[in-house]
PDB file of all heavy atoms in Angstrom:
ATOM      1  N   TRP A   1       0.833  -1.208   0.000  1.00  0.00           N
ATOM      2  CA  TRP A   1       0.000   0.000   0.000  1.00  0.00           C
ATOM      3  C   TRP A   1       0.862   1.250   0.000  1.00  0.00           C
ATOM      4  O   TRP A   1       1.917   1.285   0.649  1.00  0.00           O
ATOM      5  CB  TRP A   1      -0.861   0.054   1.256  1.00  0.00           C
ATOM      6  CG  TRP A   1      -2.230  -0.533   1.146  1.00  0.00           C
ATOM      7  CD1 TRP A   1      -2.766  -1.193   0.089  1.00  0.00           C
ATOM      8  CD2 TRP A   1      -3.233  -0.526   2.171  1.00  0.00           C
ATOM      9  NE1 TRP A   1      -4.045  -1.597   0.379  1.00  0.00           N
ATOM     10  CE2 TRP A   1      -4.360  -1.202   1.651  1.00  0.00           C
ATOM     11  CE3 TRP A   1      -3.302  -0.023   3.462  1.00  0.00           C
ATOM     12  CZ2 TRP A   1      -5.533  -1.379   2.384  1.00  0.00           C
ATOM     13  CZ3 TRP A   1      -4.455  -0.204   4.202  1.00  0.00           C
ATOM     14  CH2 TRP A   1      -5.563  -0.879   3.659  1.00  0.00           C
ATOM     15  N   PHE A   2       0.377   2.273  -0.696  1.00  0.00           N
ATOM     16  CA  PHE A   2       0.874   3.631  -0.507  1.00  0.00           C
ATOM     17  C   PHE A   2      -0.155   4.386   0.310  1.00  0.00           C
ATOM     18  O   PHE A   2      -1.342   4.391  -0.022  1.00  0.00           O
ATOM     19  CB  PHE A   2       1.085   4.343  -1.845  1.00  0.00           C
ATOM     20  CG  PHE A   2       1.577   5.762  -1.692  1.00  0.00           C
ATOM     21  CD1 PHE A   2       2.936   6.046  -1.664  1.00  0.00           C
ATOM     22  CD2 PHE A   2       0.679   6.826  -1.550  1.00  0.00           C
ATOM     23  CE1 PHE A   2       3.387   7.358  -1.510  1.00  0.00           C
ATOM     24  CE2 PHE A   2       1.121   8.122  -1.393  1.00  0.00           C
ATOM     25  CZ  PHE A   2       2.490   8.399  -1.369  1.00  0.00           C
ATOM     26  N   LEU A   3       0.298   5.012   1.396  1.00  0.00           N
ATOM     27  CA  LEU A   3      -0.574   5.792   2.273  1.00  0.00           C
ATOM     28  C   LEU A   3      -0.024   7.207   2.352  1.00  0.00           C
ATOM     29  O   LEU A   3       1.109   7.419   2.793  1.00  0.00           O
ATOM     30  CB  LEU A   3      -0.618   5.181   3.679  1.00  0.00           C
ATOM     31  CG  LEU A   3      -1.123   3.733   3.772  1.00  0.00           C
ATOM     32  CD1 LEU A   3      -0.752   3.131   5.120  1.00  0.00           C
ATOM     33  CD2 LEU A   3      -2.621   3.685   3.567  1.00  0.00           C
ATOM     34  N   SER A   4      -0.804   8.176   1.907  1.00  0.00           N
ATOM     35  CA  SER A   4      -0.356   9.566   1.988  1.00  0.00           C
ATOM     36  C   SER A   4      -0.414  10.044   3.435  1.00  0.00           C
ATOM     37  O   SER A   4      -1.184   9.516   4.254  1.00  0.00           O
ATOM     38  CB  SER A   4      -1.227  10.461   1.104  1.00  0.00           C
ATOM     39  OG  SER A   4      -2.534  10.577   1.658  1.00  0.00           O
ATOM     40  N   VAL A   5       0.383  11.044   3.746  1.00  0.00           N
ATOM     41  CA  VAL A   5       0.354  11.611   5.091  1.00  0.00           C
ATOM     42  C   VAL A   5      -0.999  12.249   5.368  1.00  0.00           C
ATOM     43  O   VAL A   5      -1.517  12.183   6.490  1.00  0.00           O
ATOM     44  CB  VAL A   5       1.502  12.621   5.268  1.00  0.00           C
ATOM     45  CG1 VAL A   5       1.320  13.431   6.545  1.00  0.00           C
ATOM     46  CG2 VAL A   5       2.839  11.896   5.326  1.00  0.00           C
ATOM     47  N   ASN A   6      -1.589  12.859   4.357  1.00  0.00           N
ATOM     48  CA  ASN A   6      -2.927  13.438   4.513  1.00  0.00           C
ATOM     49  C   ASN A   6      -3.930  12.374   4.954  1.00  0.00           C
ATOM     50  O   ASN A   6      -4.746  12.591   5.860  1.00  0.00           O
ATOM     51  CB  ASN A   6      -3.379  14.067   3.193  1.00  0.00           C
ATOM     52  CG  ASN A   6      -4.785  14.620   3.265  1.00  0.00           C
ATOM     53  OD1 ASN A   6      -5.126  15.387   4.167  1.00  0.00           O
ATOM     54  ND2 ASN A   6      -5.638  14.242   2.321  1.00  0.00           N
ATOM     55  N   LEU A   7      -3.872  11.201   4.330  1.00  0.00           N
ATOM     56  CA  LEU A   7      -4.760  10.097   4.704  1.00  0.00           C
ATOM     57  C   LEU A   7      -4.508   9.665   6.143  1.00  0.00           C
ATOM     58  O   LEU A   7      -5.457   9.479   6.928  1.00  0.00           O
ATOM     59  CB  LEU A   7      -4.535   8.927   3.751  1.00  0.00           C
ATOM     60  CG  LEU A   7      -5.307   7.640   4.049  1.00  0.00           C
ATOM     61  CD1 LEU A   7      -6.804   7.843   3.837  1.00  0.00           C
ATOM     62  CD2 LEU A   7      -4.797   6.497   3.168  1.00  0.00           C
ATOM     63  N   LEU A   8      -3.253   9.500   6.515  1.00  0.00           N
ATOM     64  CA  LEU A   8      -2.926   9.056   7.867  1.00  0.00           C
ATOM     65  C   LEU A   8      -3.349  10.083   8.915  1.00  0.00           C
ATOM     66  O   LEU A   8      -3.793   9.723  10.011  1.00  0.00           O
ATOM     67  CB  LEU A   8      -1.429   8.778   7.976  1.00  0.00           C
ATOM     68  CG  LEU A   8      -0.941   7.519   7.255  1.00  0.00           C
ATOM     69  CD1 LEU A   8       0.573   7.513   7.148  1.00  0.00           C
ATOM     70  CD2 LEU A   8      -1.428   6.275   7.967  1.00  0.00           C
ATOM     71  N   GLN A   9      -3.230  11.361   8.580  1.00  0.00           N
ATOM     72  CA  GLN A   9      -3.640  12.403   9.528  1.00  0.00           C
ATOM     73  C   GLN A   9      -5.144  12.403   9.743  1.00  0.00           C
ATOM     74  O   GLN A   9      -5.624  12.648  10.854  1.00  0.00           O
ATOM     75  CB  GLN A   9      -3.181  13.773   9.019  1.00  0.00           C
ATOM     76  CG  GLN A   9      -1.671  13.980   9.104  1.00  0.00           C
ATOM     77  CD  GLN A   9      -1.219  15.254   8.425  1.00  0.00           C
ATOM     78  OE1 GLN A   9      -1.932  15.827   7.587  1.00  0.00           O
ATOM     79  NE2 GLN A   9      -0.025  15.718   8.766  1.00  0.00           N
ATOM     80  N   GLU A  10      -5.898  12.121   8.696  1.00  0.00           N
ATOM     81  CA  GLU A  10      -7.362  12.164   8.800  1.00  0.00           C
ATOM     82  C   GLU A  10      -7.957  10.851   9.316  1.00  0.00           C
ATOM     83  O   GLU A  10      -8.920  10.855  10.079  1.00  0.00           O
ATOM     84  CB  GLU A  10      -7.967  12.491   7.423  1.00  0.00           C
ATOM     85  CG  GLU A  10      -7.640  13.874   6.905  1.00  0.00           C
ATOM     86  CD  GLU A  10      -8.269  14.974   7.751  1.00  0.00           C
ATOM     87  OE1 GLU A  10      -9.365  14.756   8.286  1.00  0.00           O
ATOM     88  OE2 GLU A  10      -7.641  16.039   7.881  1.00  0.00           O
ATOM     89  N   VAL A  11      -7.383   9.742   8.889  1.00  0.00           N
ATOM     90  CA  VAL A  11      -7.965   8.430   9.195  1.00  0.00           C
ATOM     91  C   VAL A  11      -7.231   7.728  10.327  1.00  0.00           C
ATOM     92  O   VAL A  11      -7.818   6.958  11.076  1.00  0.00           O
ATOM     93  CB  VAL A  11      -7.961   7.543   7.929  1.00  0.00           C
ATOM     94  CG1 VAL A  11      -8.502   6.154   8.218  1.00  0.00           C
ATOM     95  CG2 VAL A  11      -8.788   8.203   6.827  1.00  0.00           C
ATOM     96  N   GLY A  12      -5.943   8.018  10.479  1.00  0.00           N
ATOM     97  CA  GLY A  12      -5.127   7.333  11.468  1.00  0.00           C
ATOM     98  C   GLY A  12      -4.435   6.126  10.874  1.00  0.00           C
ATOM     99  O   GLY A  12      -4.497   5.870   9.665  1.00  0.00           O
ATOM    100  N   GLY A  13      -3.780   5.361  11.718  1.00  0.00           N
ATOM    101  CA  GLY A  13      -3.092   4.163  11.279  1.00  0.00           C
ATOM    102  C   GLY A  13      -3.999   2.950  11.339  1.00  0.00           C
ATOM    103  O   GLY A  13      -5.231   3.060  11.406  1.00  0.00           O
ATOM    104  N   PHE A  14      -3.376   1.779  11.337  1.00  0.00           N
ATOM    105  CA  PHE A  14      -4.151   0.542  11.404  1.00  0.00           C
ATOM    106  C   PHE A  14      -4.774   0.369  12.791  1.00  0.00           C
ATOM    107  O   PHE A  14      -4.252   0.875  13.789  1.00  0.00           O
ATOM    108  CB  PHE A  14      -3.250  -0.664  11.106  1.00  0.00           C
ATOM    109  CG  PHE A  14      -2.866  -0.803   9.665  1.00  0.00           C
ATOM    110  CD1 PHE A  14      -1.667  -0.289   9.191  1.00  0.00           C
ATOM    111  CD2 PHE A  14      -3.698  -1.458   8.766  1.00  0.00           C
ATOM    112  CE1 PHE A  14      -1.298  -0.433   7.864  1.00  0.00           C
ATOM    113  CE2 PHE A  14      -3.347  -1.601   7.429  1.00  0.00           C
ATOM    114  CZ  PHE A  14      -2.142  -1.086   6.987  1.00  0.00           C
ATOM    115  N   HIS A  15      -5.872  -0.347  12.846  1.00  0.00           N
ATOM    116  CA  HIS A  15      -6.578  -0.620  14.099  1.00  0.00           C
ATOM    117  C   HIS A  15      -5.752  -1.621  14.918  1.00  0.00           C
ATOM    118  O   HIS A  15      -5.391  -2.689  14.437  1.00  0.00           O
ATOM    119  CB  HIS A  15      -7.963  -1.201  13.795  1.00  0.00           C
ATOM    120  CG  HIS A  15      -8.923  -1.134  14.929  1.00  0.00           C
ATOM    121  ND1 HIS A  15      -8.694  -1.738  16.151  1.00  0.00           N
ATOM    122  CD2 HIS A  15     -10.137  -0.533  15.046  1.00  0.00           C
ATOM    123  CE1 HIS A  15      -9.715  -1.523  16.949  1.00  0.00           C
ATOM    124  NE2 HIS A  15     -10.601  -0.785  16.317  1.00  0.00           N
ATOM    125  N   ASP A  16      -5.495  -1.277  16.186  1.00  0.00           N
ATOM    126  CA  ASP A  16      -4.628  -2.110  17.020  1.00  0.00           C
ATOM    127  C   ASP A  16      -5.226  -3.470  17.364  1.00  0.00           C
ATOM    128  O   ASP A  16      -4.505  -4.378  17.787  1.00  0.00           O
ATOM    129  CB  ASP A  16      -4.285  -1.380  18.326  1.00  0.00           C
ATOM    130  CG  ASP A  16      -3.219  -0.316  18.140  1.00  0.00           C
ATOM    131  OD1 ASP A  16      -2.540  -0.337  17.101  1.00  0.00           O
ATOM    132  OD2 ASP A  16      -3.059   0.534  19.028  1.00  0.00           O
ATOM    133  N   ASP A  17      -6.530  -3.642  17.206  1.00  0.00           N
ATOM    134  CA  ASP A  17      -7.169  -4.909  17.581  1.00  0.00           C
ATOM    135  C   ASP A  17      -6.955  -6.019  16.550  1.00  0.00           C
ATOM    136  O   ASP A  17      -7.331  -7.163  16.800  1.00  0.00           O
ATOM    137  CB  ASP A  17      -8.676  -4.723  17.781  1.00  0.00           C
ATOM    138  CG  ASP A  17      -8.993  -4.006  19.084  1.00  0.00           C
ATOM    139  OD1 ASP A  17      -8.058  -3.810  19.894  1.00  0.00           O
ATOM    140  OD2 ASP A  17     -10.163  -3.641  19.295  1.00  0.00           O
ATOM    141  N   PHE A  18      -6.366  -5.667  15.399  1.00  0.00           N
ATOM    142  CA  PHE A  18      -6.192  -6.656  14.330  1.00  0.00           C
ATOM    143  C   PHE A  18      -4.725  -7.065  14.264  1.00  0.00           C
ATOM    144  O   PHE A  18      -3.866  -6.275  13.889  1.00  0.00           O
ATOM    145  CB  PHE A  18      -6.639  -6.091  12.989  1.00  0.00           C
ATOM    146  CG  PHE A  18      -8.123  -5.874  12.891  1.00  0.00           C
ATOM    147  CD1 PHE A  18      -8.720  -4.762  13.468  1.00  0.00           C
ATOM    148  CD2 PHE A  18      -8.927  -6.786  12.234  1.00  0.00           C
ATOM    149  CE1 PHE A  18     -10.088  -4.565  13.390  1.00  0.00           C
ATOM    150  CE2 PHE A  18     -10.296  -6.606  12.147  1.00  0.00           C
ATOM    151  CZ  PHE A  18     -10.877  -5.494  12.726  1.00  0.00           C
ATOM    152  N   PHE A  19      -4.464  -8.327  14.603  1.00  0.00           N
ATOM    153  CA  PHE A  19      -3.087  -8.827  14.565  1.00  0.00           C
ATOM    154  C   PHE A  19      -2.695  -9.224  13.145  1.00  0.00           C
ATOM    155  O   PHE A  19      -1.666  -8.816  12.622  1.00  0.00           O
ATOM    156  CB  PHE A  19      -2.941 -10.021  15.506  1.00  0.00           C
ATOM    157  CG  PHE A  19      -1.615 -10.704  15.390  1.00  0.00           C
ATOM    158  CD1 PHE A  19      -0.483 -10.123  15.943  1.00  0.00           C
ATOM    159  CD2 PHE A  19      -1.484 -11.913  14.731  1.00  0.00           C
ATOM    160  CE1 PHE A  19       0.760 -10.737  15.837  1.00  0.00           C
ATOM    161  CE2 PHE A  19      -0.260 -12.539  14.618  1.00  0.00           C
ATOM    162  CZ  PHE A  19       0.866 -11.951  15.173  1.00  0.00           C
ATOM    163  N   MET A  20      -3.523 -10.021  12.507  1.00  0.00           N
ATOM    164  CA  MET A  20      -3.248 -10.489  11.149  1.00  0.00           C
ATOM    165  C   MET A  20      -4.566 -10.869  10.499  1.00  0.00           C
ATOM    166  O   MET A  20      -5.399 -11.532  11.134  1.00  0.00           O
ATOM    167  CB  MET A  20      -2.324 -11.707  11.187  1.00  0.00           C
ATOM    168  CG  MET A  20      -1.922 -12.251   9.824  1.00  0.00           C
ATOM    169  SD  MET A  20      -0.785 -13.640  10.015  1.00  0.00           S
ATOM    170  CE  MET A  20      -0.520 -14.097   8.312  1.00  0.00           C
ATOM    171  N   TYR A  21      -4.761 -10.428   9.277  1.00  0.00           N
ATOM    172  CA  TYR A  21      -5.997 -10.588   8.512  1.00  0.00           C
ATOM    173  C   TYR A  21      -7.064  -9.586   8.992  1.00  0.00           C
ATOM    174  O   TYR A  21      -7.272  -9.414  10.181  1.00  0.00           O
ATOM    175  CB  TYR A  21      -6.576 -12.011   8.582  1.00  0.00           C
ATOM    176  CG  TYR A  21      -5.718 -13.061   7.977  1.00  0.00           C
ATOM    177  CD1 TYR A  21      -5.193 -14.083   8.756  1.00  0.00           C
ATOM    178  CD2 TYR A  21      -5.426 -13.047   6.620  1.00  0.00           C
ATOM    179  CE1 TYR A  21      -4.399 -15.072   8.189  1.00  0.00           C
ATOM    180  CE2 TYR A  21      -4.634 -14.033   6.055  1.00  0.00           C
ATOM    181  CZ  TYR A  21      -4.117 -15.032   6.853  1.00  0.00           C
ATOM    182  OH  TYR A  21      -3.319 -15.986   6.287  1.00  0.00           O
ATOM    183  N   GLY A  22      -7.697  -8.959   8.024  1.00  0.00           N
ATOM    184  CA  GLY A  22      -8.799  -8.064   8.316  1.00  0.00           C
ATOM    185  C   GLY A  22      -8.401  -6.634   8.604  1.00  0.00           C
ATOM    186  O   GLY A  22      -9.233  -5.734   8.546  1.00  0.00           O
ATOM    187  N   GLU A  23      -7.111  -6.400   8.909  1.00  0.00           N
ATOM    188  CA  GLU A  23      -6.700  -5.033   9.220  1.00  0.00           C
ATOM    189  C   GLU A  23      -6.847  -4.114   8.013  1.00  0.00           C
ATOM    190  O   GLU A  23      -7.197  -2.934   8.156  1.00  0.00           O
ATOM    191  CB  GLU A  23      -5.276  -4.983   9.762  1.00  0.00           C
ATOM    192  CG  GLU A  23      -4.164  -5.361   8.777  1.00  0.00           C
ATOM    193  CD  GLU A  23      -3.921  -6.841   8.729  1.00  0.00           C
ATOM    194  OE1 GLU A  23      -4.634  -7.527   7.964  1.00  0.00           O
ATOM    195  OE2 GLU A  23      -2.983  -7.308   9.395  1.00  0.00           O
ATOM    196  N   ASP A  24      -6.608  -4.661   6.814  1.00  0.00           N
ATOM    197  CA  ASP A  24      -6.756  -3.852   5.607  1.00  0.00           C
ATOM    198  C   ASP A  24      -8.229  -3.606   5.280  1.00  0.00           C
ATOM    199  O   ASP A  24      -8.604  -2.522   4.815  1.00  0.00           O
ATOM    200  CB  ASP A  24      -6.035  -4.474   4.419  1.00  0.00           C
ATOM    201  CG  ASP A  24      -6.306  -5.960   4.232  1.00  0.00           C
ATOM    202  OD1 ASP A  24      -7.133  -6.522   4.976  1.00  0.00           O
ATOM    203  OD2 ASP A  24      -5.675  -6.563   3.332  1.00  0.00           O
ATOM    204  N   LYS A  25      -9.063  -4.598   5.533  1.00  0.00           N
ATOM    205  CA  LYS A  25     -10.500  -4.423   5.290  1.00  0.00           C
ATOM    206  C   LYS A  25     -11.070  -3.340   6.220  1.00  0.00           C
ATOM    207  O   LYS A  25     -11.808  -2.450   5.787  1.00  0.00           O
ATOM    208  CB  LYS A  25     -11.241  -5.742   5.494  1.00  0.00           C
ATOM    209  CG  LYS A  25     -12.688  -5.723   5.037  1.00  0.00           C
ATOM    210  CD  LYS A  25     -13.302  -7.104   5.125  1.00  0.00           C
ATOM    211  CE  LYS A  25     -12.713  -8.067   4.114  1.00  0.00           C
ATOM    212  NZ  LYS A  25     -13.090  -7.705   2.706  1.00  0.00           N
ATOM    213  N   GLU A  26     -10.694  -3.405   7.494  1.00  0.00           N
ATOM    214  CA  GLU A  26     -11.165  -2.397   8.445  1.00  0.00           C
ATOM    215  C   GLU A  26     -10.662  -1.013   8.048  1.00  0.00           C
ATOM    216  O   GLU A  26     -11.401  -0.026   8.139  1.00  0.00           O
ATOM    217  CB  GLU A  26     -10.698  -2.752   9.868  1.00  0.00           C
ATOM    218  CG  GLU A  26     -11.270  -1.880  10.970  1.00  0.00           C
ATOM    219  CD  GLU A  26     -10.584  -0.528  11.136  1.00  0.00           C
ATOM    220  OE1 GLU A  26      -9.370  -0.429  10.852  1.00  0.00           O
ATOM    221  OE2 GLU A  26     -11.266   0.436  11.537  1.00  0.00           O
ATOM    222  N   TYR A  27      -9.410  -0.935   7.588  1.00  0.00           N
ATOM    223  CA  TYR A  27      -8.854   0.371   7.208  1.00  0.00           C
ATOM    224  C   TYR A  27      -9.572   0.940   5.985  1.00  0.00           C
ATOM    225  O   TYR A  27      -9.837   2.151   5.917  1.00  0.00           O
ATOM    226  CB  TYR A  27      -7.352   0.257   6.935  1.00  0.00           C
ATOM    227  CG  TYR A  27      -6.672   1.608   6.941  1.00  0.00           C
ATOM    228  CD1 TYR A  27      -6.156   2.132   8.115  1.00  0.00           C
ATOM    229  CD2 TYR A  27      -6.574   2.378   5.782  1.00  0.00           C
ATOM    230  CE1 TYR A  27      -5.555   3.384   8.145  1.00  0.00           C
ATOM    231  CE2 TYR A  27      -5.979   3.621   5.793  1.00  0.00           C
ATOM    232  CZ  TYR A  27      -5.476   4.118   6.981  1.00  0.00           C
ATOM    233  OH  TYR A  27      -4.900   5.363   7.004  1.00  0.00           O
ATOM    234  N   CYS A  28      -9.893   0.083   5.035  1.00  0.00           N
ATOM    235  CA  CYS A  28     -10.633   0.551   3.856  1.00  0.00           C
ATOM    236  C   CYS A  28     -12.020   1.052   4.255  1.00  0.00           C
ATOM    237  O   CYS A  28     -12.484   2.087   3.770  1.00  0.00           O
ATOM    238  CB  CYS A  28     -10.749  -0.561   2.820  1.00  0.00           C
ATOM    239  SG  CYS A  28      -9.227  -0.889   1.908  1.00  0.00           S
ATOM    240  N   TYR A  29     -12.697   0.328   5.138  1.00  0.00           N
ATOM    241  CA  TYR A  29     -14.002   0.773   5.627  1.00  0.00           C
ATOM    242  C   TYR A  29     -13.879   2.139   6.302  1.00  0.00           C
ATOM    243  O   TYR A  29     -14.681   3.053   6.057  1.00  0.00           O
ATOM    244  CB  TYR A  29     -14.563  -0.226   6.645  1.00  0.00           C
ATOM    245  CG  TYR A  29     -15.063  -1.532   6.076  1.00  0.00           C
ATOM    246  CD1 TYR A  29     -15.113  -2.676   6.866  1.00  0.00           C
ATOM    247  CD2 TYR A  29     -15.490  -1.636   4.753  1.00  0.00           C
ATOM    248  CE1 TYR A  29     -15.577  -3.886   6.363  1.00  0.00           C
ATOM    249  CE2 TYR A  29     -15.948  -2.843   4.242  1.00  0.00           C
ATOM    250  CZ  TYR A  29     -15.991  -3.959   5.065  1.00  0.00           C
ATOM    251  OH  TYR A  29     -16.460  -5.143   4.558  1.00  0.00           O
ATOM    252  N   ARG A  30     -12.875   2.275   7.156  1.00  0.00           N
ATOM    253  CA  ARG A  30     -12.707   3.530   7.903  1.00  0.00           C
ATOM    254  C   ARG A  30     -12.332   4.669   6.963  1.00  0.00           C
ATOM    255  O   ARG A  30     -12.787   5.810   7.143  1.00  0.00           O
ATOM    256  CB  ARG A  30     -11.642   3.319   8.982  1.00  0.00           C
ATOM    257  CG  ARG A  30     -11.466   4.489   9.932  1.00  0.00           C
ATOM    258  CD  ARG A  30     -10.904   4.070  11.287  1.00  0.00           C
ATOM    259  NE  ARG A  30      -9.987   2.962  11.216  1.00  0.00           N
ATOM    260  CZ  ARG A  30      -8.653   3.064  11.290  1.00  0.00           C
ATOM    261  NH1 ARG A  30      -8.091   4.259  11.418  1.00  0.00           N
ATOM    262  NH2 ARG A  30      -7.887   1.995  11.249  1.00  0.00           N
ATOM    263  N   SER A  31     -11.517   4.396   5.967  1.00  0.00           N
ATOM    264  CA  SER A  31     -11.160   5.415   4.981  1.00  0.00           C
ATOM    265  C   SER A  31     -12.396   5.926   4.254  1.00  0.00           C
ATOM    266  O   SER A  31     -12.584   7.141   4.076  1.00  0.00           O
ATOM    267  CB  SER A  31     -10.163   4.845   3.960  1.00  0.00           C
ATOM    268  OG  SER A  31      -8.961   4.471   4.569  1.00  0.00           O
ATOM    269  N   ARG A  32     -13.244   5.005   3.842  1.00  0.00           N
ATOM    270  CA  ARG A  32     -14.456   5.395   3.128  1.00  0.00           C
ATOM    271  C   ARG A  32     -15.397   6.198   4.026  1.00  0.00           C
ATOM    272  O   ARG A  32     -16.050   7.142   3.577  1.00  0.00           O
ATOM    273  CB  ARG A  32     -15.151   4.144   2.587  1.00  0.00           C
ATOM    274  CG  ARG A  32     -14.389   3.488   1.435  1.00  0.00           C
ATOM    275  CD  ARG A  32     -14.929   2.114   1.063  1.00  0.00           C
ATOM    276  NE  ARG A  32     -16.373   2.149   0.891  1.00  0.00           N
ATOM    277  CZ  ARG A  32     -17.202   1.226   1.360  1.00  0.00           C
ATOM    278  NH1 ARG A  32     -16.736   0.199   2.051  1.00  0.00           N
ATOM    279  NH2 ARG A  32     -18.488   1.315   1.142  1.00  0.00           N
ATOM    280  N   PHE A  33     -15.449   5.857   5.307  1.00  0.00           N
ATOM    281  CA  PHE A  33     -16.273   6.614   6.244  1.00  0.00           C
ATOM    282  C   PHE A  33     -15.820   8.076   6.321  1.00  0.00           C
ATOM    283  O   PHE A  33     -16.631   8.990   6.479  1.00  0.00           O
ATOM    284  CB  PHE A  33     -16.219   5.979   7.634  1.00  0.00           C
ATOM    285  CG  PHE A  33     -16.973   6.740   8.691  1.00  0.00           C
ATOM    286  CD1 PHE A  33     -18.361   6.697   8.743  1.00  0.00           C
ATOM    287  CD2 PHE A  33     -16.302   7.515   9.625  1.00  0.00           C
ATOM    288  CE1 PHE A  33     -19.065   7.417   9.708  1.00  0.00           C
ATOM    289  CE2 PHE A  33     -16.985   8.231  10.594  1.00  0.00           C
ATOM    290  CZ  PHE A  33     -18.378   8.179  10.635  1.00  0.00           C
ATOM    291  N   HIS A  34     -14.511   8.285   6.192  1.00  0.00           N
ATOM    292  CA  HIS A  34     -13.949   9.638   6.245  1.00  0.00           C
ATOM    293  C   HIS A  34     -13.913  10.312   4.871  1.00  0.00           C
ATOM    294  O   HIS A  34     -13.341  11.393   4.731  1.00  0.00           O
ATOM    295  CB  HIS A  34     -12.545   9.609   6.840  1.00  0.00           C
ATOM    296  CG  HIS A  34     -12.522   9.378   8.325  1.00  0.00           C
ATOM    297  ND1 HIS A  34     -12.687  10.378   9.242  1.00  0.00           N
ATOM    298  CD2 HIS A  34     -12.383   8.231   9.040  1.00  0.00           C
ATOM    299  CE1 HIS A  34     -12.622   9.882  10.463  1.00  0.00           C
ATOM    300  NE2 HIS A  34     -12.445   8.576  10.367  1.00  0.00           N
ATOM    301  N   GLY A  35     -14.513   9.690   3.870  1.00  0.00           N
ATOM    302  CA  GLY A  35     -14.608  10.306   2.553  1.00  0.00           C
ATOM    303  C   GLY A  35     -13.521   9.937   1.579  1.00  0.00           C
ATOM    304  O   GLY A  35     -13.475  10.474   0.465  1.00  0.00           O
ATOM    305  N   PHE A  36     -12.622   9.027   1.951  1.00  0.00           N
ATOM    306  CA  PHE A  36     -11.533   8.612   1.072  1.00  0.00           C
ATOM    307  C   PHE A  36     -11.924   7.354   0.294  1.00  0.00           C
ATOM    308  O   PHE A  36     -12.741   6.565   0.762  1.00  0.00           O
ATOM    309  CB  PHE A  36     -10.263   8.335   1.874  1.00  0.00           C
ATOM    310  CG  PHE A  36      -9.663   9.548   2.510  1.00  0.00           C
ATOM    311  CD1 PHE A  36     -10.106   9.992   3.762  1.00  0.00           C
ATOM    312  CD2 PHE A  36      -8.667  10.268   1.876  1.00  0.00           C
ATOM    313  CE1 PHE A  36      -9.559  11.116   4.358  1.00  0.00           C
ATOM    314  CE2 PHE A  36      -8.115  11.398   2.466  1.00  0.00           C
ATOM    315  CZ  PHE A  36      -8.561  11.822   3.712  1.00  0.00           C
ATOM    316  N   SER A  37     -11.339   7.187  -0.876  1.00  0.00           N
ATOM    317  CA  SER A  37     -11.628   6.020  -1.717  1.00  0.00           C
ATOM    318  C   SER A  37     -10.379   5.168  -1.886  1.00  0.00           C
ATOM    319  O   SER A  37      -9.365   5.662  -2.400  1.00  0.00           O
ATOM    320  CB  SER A  37     -12.111   6.459  -3.101  1.00  0.00           C
ATOM    321  OG  SER A  37     -13.329   7.159  -3.023  1.00  0.00           O
ATOM    322  N   PRO A  38     -10.415   3.901  -1.479  1.00  0.00           N
ATOM    323  CA  PRO A  38      -9.312   3.007  -1.824  1.00  0.00           C
ATOM    324  C   PRO A  38      -9.152   2.925  -3.340  1.00  0.00           C
ATOM    325  O   PRO A  38     -10.140   2.978  -4.071  1.00  0.00           O
ATOM    326  CB  PRO A  38      -9.760   1.661  -1.235  1.00  0.00           C
ATOM    327  CG  PRO A  38     -10.741   2.016  -0.160  1.00  0.00           C
ATOM    328  CD  PRO A  38     -11.443   3.252  -0.654  1.00  0.00           C
ATOM    329  N   ILE A  39      -7.924   2.823  -3.785  1.00  0.00           N
ATOM    330  CA  ILE A  39      -7.640   2.861  -5.222  1.00  0.00           C
ATOM    331  C   ILE A  39      -6.696   1.732  -5.606  1.00  0.00           C
ATOM    332  O   ILE A  39      -5.707   1.463  -4.908  1.00  0.00           O
ATOM    333  CB  ILE A  39      -7.023   4.224  -5.618  1.00  0.00           C
ATOM    334  CG1 ILE A  39      -8.081   5.339  -5.521  1.00  0.00           C
ATOM    335  CG2 ILE A  39      -6.422   4.180  -7.018  1.00  0.00           C
ATOM    336  CD1 ILE A  39      -7.545   6.725  -5.764  1.00  0.00           C
ATOM    337  N   VAL A  40      -7.006   1.070  -6.711  1.00  0.00           N
ATOM    338  CA  VAL A  40      -6.088   0.118  -7.324  1.00  0.00           C
ATOM    339  C   VAL A  40      -5.448   0.796  -8.535  1.00  0.00           C
ATOM    340  O   VAL A  40      -6.154   1.239  -9.445  1.00  0.00           O
ATOM    341  CB  VAL A  40      -6.815  -1.167  -7.763  1.00  0.00           C
ATOM    342  CG1 VAL A  40      -5.885  -2.047  -8.604  1.00  0.00           C
ATOM    343  CG2 VAL A  40      -7.309  -1.948  -6.552  1.00  0.00           C
TER     344      VAL A  40
END
């Protein structure tokens, strides 16, 4: 992943409750909640 500083400032980092698997899904959900769009 590429994560801009603007994205990290608005959305934050990864959720601490996710050790492995699902952390990216939760981050994409949270990004979209804040108005950001995941991009391929």
